[in-house]
Amino acid sequence: MASATESVTRSGGFERMAAAITRWAGSRAGFATAAGVVLAWAVAGPFFNFSNTWQLVINTGTTIVTFLMVFLIQRTQNKDGLAIQLK
């Protein structure tokens, strides 16, 4: 079985991607993008007669983003816990 430090170095590509997404999601640009998507969805409501499909678009999108962010948050917590244990 590989040690904890070996498994961290082997997943370098994932670590870089997760770090980049985490930095972006916590930035002003990330917030502005999320707010822009919600605003565009709200403005589009009258054009789609506030239909069930119009509501389903935002529900599906936010569910997918939430699902993926849970894994990123858990990865960050695991990484922080490992760093504390190694100290």
N, C-alpha and C. Protein backbone atom coordinates (compact mmCIF):
# COMPACT_ATOMS: atom_id res chain seq x y z
N MET A 1 0.85 -1.19 0.00
CA MET A 1 0.00 0.00 0.00
C MET A 1 0.89 1.24 0.00
N ALA A 2 0.54 2.22 -0.81
CA ALA A 2 1.33 3.44 -0.92
C ALA A 2 1.12 4.33 0.29
N SER A 3 2.17 5.05 0.65
CA SER A 3 2.04 5.97 1.78
C SER A 3 1.21 7.18 1.36
N ALA A 4 0.80 7.95 2.34
CA ALA A 4 -0.03 9.12 2.06
C ALA A 4 0.70 10.13 1.20
N THR A 5 1.99 10.34 1.44
CA THR A 5 2.73 11.32 0.65
C THR A 5 2.93 10.85 -0.78
N GLU A 6 3.09 9.53 -0.99
CA GLU A 6 3.23 9.01 -2.35
C GLU A 6 1.94 9.19 -3.13
N SER A 7 0.79 8.96 -2.49
CA SER A 7 -0.47 9.09 -3.20
C SER A 7 -0.75 10.54 -3.56
N VAL A 8 -0.29 11.48 -2.75
CA VAL A 8 -0.48 12.90 -3.07
C VAL A 8 0.35 13.28 -4.27
N THR A 9 1.60 12.81 -4.35
CA THR A 9 2.45 13.18 -5.48
C THR A 9 2.00 12.52 -6.77
N ARG A 10 1.42 11.33 -6.71
CA ARG A 10 0.93 10.65 -7.90
C ARG A 10 -0.28 11.34 -8.51
N SER A 11 -1.04 12.02 -7.73
CA SER A 11 -2.26 12.67 -8.24
C SER A 11 -2.01 14.15 -8.52
N GLY A 12 -0.83 14.48 -9.02
CA GLY A 12 -0.46 15.87 -9.26
C GLY A 12 -1.39 16.61 -10.21
N GLY A 13 -1.83 15.94 -11.28
CA GLY A 13 -2.74 16.60 -12.23
C GLY A 13 -4.07 16.95 -11.59
N PHE A 14 -4.60 16.01 -10.84
CA PHE A 14 -5.87 16.27 -10.15
C PHE A 14 -5.70 17.38 -9.12
N GLU A 15 -4.58 17.34 -8.39
CA GLU A 15 -4.32 18.37 -7.38
C GLU A 15 -4.27 19.76 -7.99
N ARG A 16 -3.58 19.88 -9.12
CA ARG A 16 -3.50 21.19 -9.81
C ARG A 16 -4.87 21.66 -10.25
N MET A 17 -5.65 20.73 -10.83
CA MET A 17 -6.99 21.08 -11.29
C MET A 17 -7.88 21.47 -10.11
N ALA A 18 -7.86 20.68 -9.05
CA ALA A 18 -8.70 20.97 -7.88
C ALA A 18 -8.31 22.30 -7.25
N ALA A 19 -7.00 22.57 -7.17
CA ALA A 19 -6.54 23.84 -6.60
C ALA A 19 -6.99 25.02 -7.46
N ALA A 20 -6.89 24.87 -8.78
CA ALA A 20 -7.29 25.95 -9.68
C ALA A 20 -8.79 26.23 -9.57
N ILE A 21 -9.59 25.17 -9.54
CA ILE A 21 -11.04 25.34 -9.42
C ILE A 21 -11.41 25.97 -8.08
N THR A 22 -10.74 25.52 -7.02
CA THR A 22 -11.01 26.06 -5.69
C THR A 22 -10.67 27.55 -5.63
N ARG A 23 -9.51 27.92 -6.19
CA ARG A 23 -9.13 29.34 -6.21
C ARG A 23 -10.15 30.16 -7.01
N TRP A 24 -10.55 29.64 -8.18
CA TRP A 24 -11.49 30.38 -9.02
C TRP A 24 -12.86 30.49 -8.35
N ALA A 25 -13.34 29.39 -7.76
CA ALA A 25 -14.66 29.40 -7.13
C ALA A 25 -14.73 30.38 -5.96
N GLY A 26 -13.60 30.59 -5.30
CA GLY A 26 -13.56 31.52 -4.17
C GLY A 26 -13.19 32.94 -4.55
N SER A 27 -13.12 33.21 -5.84
CA SER A 27 -12.70 34.54 -6.29
C SER A 27 -13.90 35.40 -6.66
N ARG A 28 -13.61 36.67 -6.91
CA ARG A 28 -14.67 37.58 -7.37
C ARG A 28 -15.22 37.13 -8.71
N ALA A 29 -14.32 36.64 -9.58
CA ALA A 29 -14.75 36.19 -10.90
C ALA A 29 -15.71 35.01 -10.79
N GLY A 30 -15.44 34.10 -9.88
CA GLY A 30 -16.33 32.96 -9.67
C GLY A 30 -17.70 33.40 -9.19
N PHE A 31 -17.70 34.30 -8.22
CA PHE A 31 -18.97 34.81 -7.72
C PHE A 31 -19.72 35.58 -8.81
N ALA A 32 -19.00 36.41 -9.56
CA ALA A 32 -19.63 37.19 -10.62
C ALA A 32 -20.22 36.27 -11.70
N THR A 33 -19.53 35.21 -12.02
CA THR A 33 -20.04 34.26 -13.00
C THR A 33 -21.31 33.60 -12.50
N ALA A 34 -21.31 33.15 -11.26
CA ALA A 34 -22.50 32.52 -10.69
C ALA A 34 -23.68 33.50 -10.65
N ALA A 35 -23.40 34.73 -10.22
CA ALA A 35 -24.46 35.74 -10.17
C ALA A 35 -24.97 36.05 -11.57
N GLY A 36 -24.06 36.10 -12.54
CA GLY A 36 -24.45 36.36 -13.92
C GLY A 36 -25.33 35.27 -14.50
N VAL A 37 -25.00 34.02 -14.20
CA VAL A 37 -25.81 32.90 -14.67
C VAL A 37 -27.21 32.97 -14.08
N VAL A 38 -27.31 33.25 -12.79
CA VAL A 38 -28.62 33.35 -12.14
C VAL A 38 -29.41 34.53 -12.71
N LEU A 39 -28.74 35.64 -12.92
CA LEU A 39 -29.41 36.82 -13.49
C LEU A 39 -29.91 36.53 -14.90
N ALA A 40 -29.06 35.90 -15.73
CA ALA A 40 -29.47 35.56 -17.10
C ALA A 40 -30.65 34.60 -17.08
N TRP A 41 -30.62 33.63 -16.16
CA TRP A 41 -31.74 32.69 -16.04
C TRP A 41 -33.02 33.43 -15.65
N ALA A 42 -32.92 34.35 -14.70
CA ALA A 42 -34.10 35.10 -14.25
C ALA A 42 -34.65 35.98 -15.37
N VAL A 43 -33.76 36.62 -16.11
CA VAL A 43 -34.20 37.48 -17.22
C VAL A 43 -34.86 36.65 -18.32
N ALA A 44 -34.39 35.42 -18.52
CA ALA A 44 -34.95 34.56 -19.56
C ALA A 44 -36.33 34.02 -19.18
N GLY A 45 -36.71 34.12 -17.93
CA GLY A 45 -38.00 33.59 -17.46
C GLY A 45 -39.20 34.02 -18.28
N PRO A 46 -39.39 35.31 -18.50
CA PRO A 46 -40.56 35.73 -19.28
C PRO A 46 -40.57 35.20 -20.72
N PHE A 47 -39.39 35.03 -21.30
CA PHE A 47 -39.32 34.52 -22.68
C PHE A 47 -39.74 33.05 -22.76
N PHE A 48 -39.61 32.34 -21.67
CA PHE A 48 -39.99 30.92 -21.62
C PHE A 48 -41.28 30.72 -20.82
N ASN A 49 -41.99 31.83 -20.56
CA ASN A 49 -43.26 31.80 -19.82
C ASN A 49 -43.11 31.11 -18.46
N PHE A 50 -41.95 31.27 -17.86
CA PHE A 50 -41.68 30.68 -16.53
C PHE A 50 -42.08 29.21 -16.49
N SER A 51 -41.74 28.49 -17.56
CA SER A 51 -42.15 27.09 -17.71
C SER A 51 -41.40 26.16 -16.76
N ASN A 52 -41.87 24.94 -16.69
CA ASN A 52 -41.20 23.93 -15.87
C ASN A 52 -39.80 23.65 -16.39
N THR A 53 -39.63 23.67 -17.70
CA THR A 53 -38.31 23.45 -18.29
C THR A 53 -37.36 24.57 -17.89
N TRP A 54 -37.84 25.79 -17.88
CA TRP A 54 -37.03 26.94 -17.47
C TRP A 54 -36.56 26.75 -16.03
N GLN A 55 -37.43 26.29 -15.16
CA GLN A 55 -37.06 26.04 -13.76
C GLN A 55 -36.11 24.84 -13.65
N LEU A 56 -36.33 23.84 -14.48
CA LEU A 56 -35.50 22.64 -14.45
C LEU A 56 -34.05 22.95 -14.82
N VAL A 57 -33.85 23.91 -15.70
CA VAL A 57 -32.50 24.28 -16.12
C VAL A 57 -31.67 24.73 -14.91
N ILE A 58 -32.19 25.65 -14.13
CA ILE A 58 -31.42 26.16 -12.98
C ILE A 58 -31.32 25.09 -11.89
N ASN A 59 -32.37 24.32 -11.71
CA ASN A 59 -32.32 23.26 -10.69
C ASN A 59 -31.27 22.22 -11.02
N THR A 60 -31.22 21.80 -12.27
CA THR A 60 -30.24 20.80 -12.69
C THR A 60 -28.83 21.36 -12.60
N GLY A 61 -28.65 22.58 -13.09
CA GLY A 61 -27.32 23.20 -13.05
C GLY A 61 -26.78 23.36 -11.64
N THR A 62 -27.60 23.86 -10.75
CA THR A 62 -27.14 24.06 -9.38
C THR A 62 -26.91 22.73 -8.66
N THR A 63 -27.70 21.73 -8.98
CA THR A 63 -27.50 20.41 -8.38
C THR A 63 -26.16 19.82 -8.81
N ILE A 64 -25.84 19.91 -10.07
CA ILE A 64 -24.57 19.38 -10.57
C ILE A 64 -23.39 20.11 -9.95
N VAL A 65 -23.46 21.43 -9.91
CA VAL A 65 -22.36 22.21 -9.33
C VAL A 65 -22.21 21.88 -7.84
N THR A 66 -23.31 21.79 -7.13
CA THR A 66 -23.25 21.45 -5.70
C THR A 66 -22.64 20.08 -5.48
N PHE A 67 -23.05 19.11 -6.28
CA PHE A 67 -22.54 17.75 -6.18
C PHE A 67 -21.02 17.73 -6.36
N LEU A 68 -20.53 18.41 -7.38
CA LEU A 68 -19.09 18.43 -7.63
C LEU A 68 -18.32 19.21 -6.56
N MET A 69 -18.91 20.30 -6.08
CA MET A 69 -18.22 21.09 -5.05
C MET A 69 -18.10 20.33 -3.74
N VAL A 70 -19.04 19.46 -3.43
CA VAL A 70 -18.95 18.64 -2.22
C VAL A 70 -17.67 17.81 -2.26
N PHE A 71 -17.37 17.24 -3.42
CA PHE A 71 -16.15 16.44 -3.54
C PHE A 71 -14.90 17.30 -3.44
N LEU A 72 -14.93 18.51 -4.00
CA LEU A 72 -13.77 19.40 -3.87
C LEU A 72 -13.55 19.82 -2.42
N ILE A 73 -14.63 20.13 -1.73
CA ILE A 73 -14.52 20.51 -0.32
C ILE A 73 -13.98 19.34 0.50
N GLN A 74 -14.49 18.15 0.24
CA GLN A 74 -14.00 16.97 0.97
C GLN A 74 -12.53 16.73 0.69
N ARG A 75 -12.10 16.90 -0.54
CA ARG A 75 -10.69 16.72 -0.90
C ARG A 75 -9.83 17.73 -0.15
N THR A 76 -10.28 18.95 -0.08
CA THR A 76 -9.53 19.98 0.64
C THR A 76 -9.42 19.63 2.12
N GLN A 77 -10.51 19.16 2.72
CA GLN A 77 -10.47 18.77 4.13
C GLN A 77 -9.54 17.59 4.36
N ASN A 78 -9.57 16.62 3.45
CA ASN A 78 -8.67 15.47 3.57
C ASN A 78 -7.22 15.90 3.47
N LYS A 79 -6.94 16.80 2.53
CA LYS A 79 -5.57 17.29 2.34
C LYS A 79 -5.10 18.07 3.57
N ASP A 80 -5.96 18.91 4.11
CA ASP A 80 -5.61 19.66 5.33
C ASP A 80 -5.38 18.72 6.51
N GLY A 81 -6.23 17.71 6.64
CA GLY A 81 -6.06 16.74 7.72
C GLY A 81 -4.76 15.98 7.60
N LEU A 82 -4.40 15.61 6.37
CA LEU A 82 -3.13 14.93 6.14
C LEU A 82 -1.94 15.83 6.50
N ALA A 83 -2.03 17.10 6.12
CA ALA A 83 -0.95 18.03 6.43
C ALA A 83 -0.76 18.18 7.95
N ILE A 84 -1.86 18.23 8.67
CA ILE A 84 -1.78 18.34 10.13
C ILE A 84 -1.18 17.08 10.73
N GLN A 85 -1.57 15.92 10.22
CA GLN A 85 -1.03 14.66 10.73
C GLN A 85 0.47 14.54 10.45
N LEU A 86 0.91 15.02 9.31
CA LEU A 86 2.34 14.93 8.97
C LEU A 86 3.18 15.86 9.81
N LYS A 87 2.58 16.93 10.32
CA LYS A 87 3.34 17.85 11.20
C LYS A 87 3.55 17.19 12.52
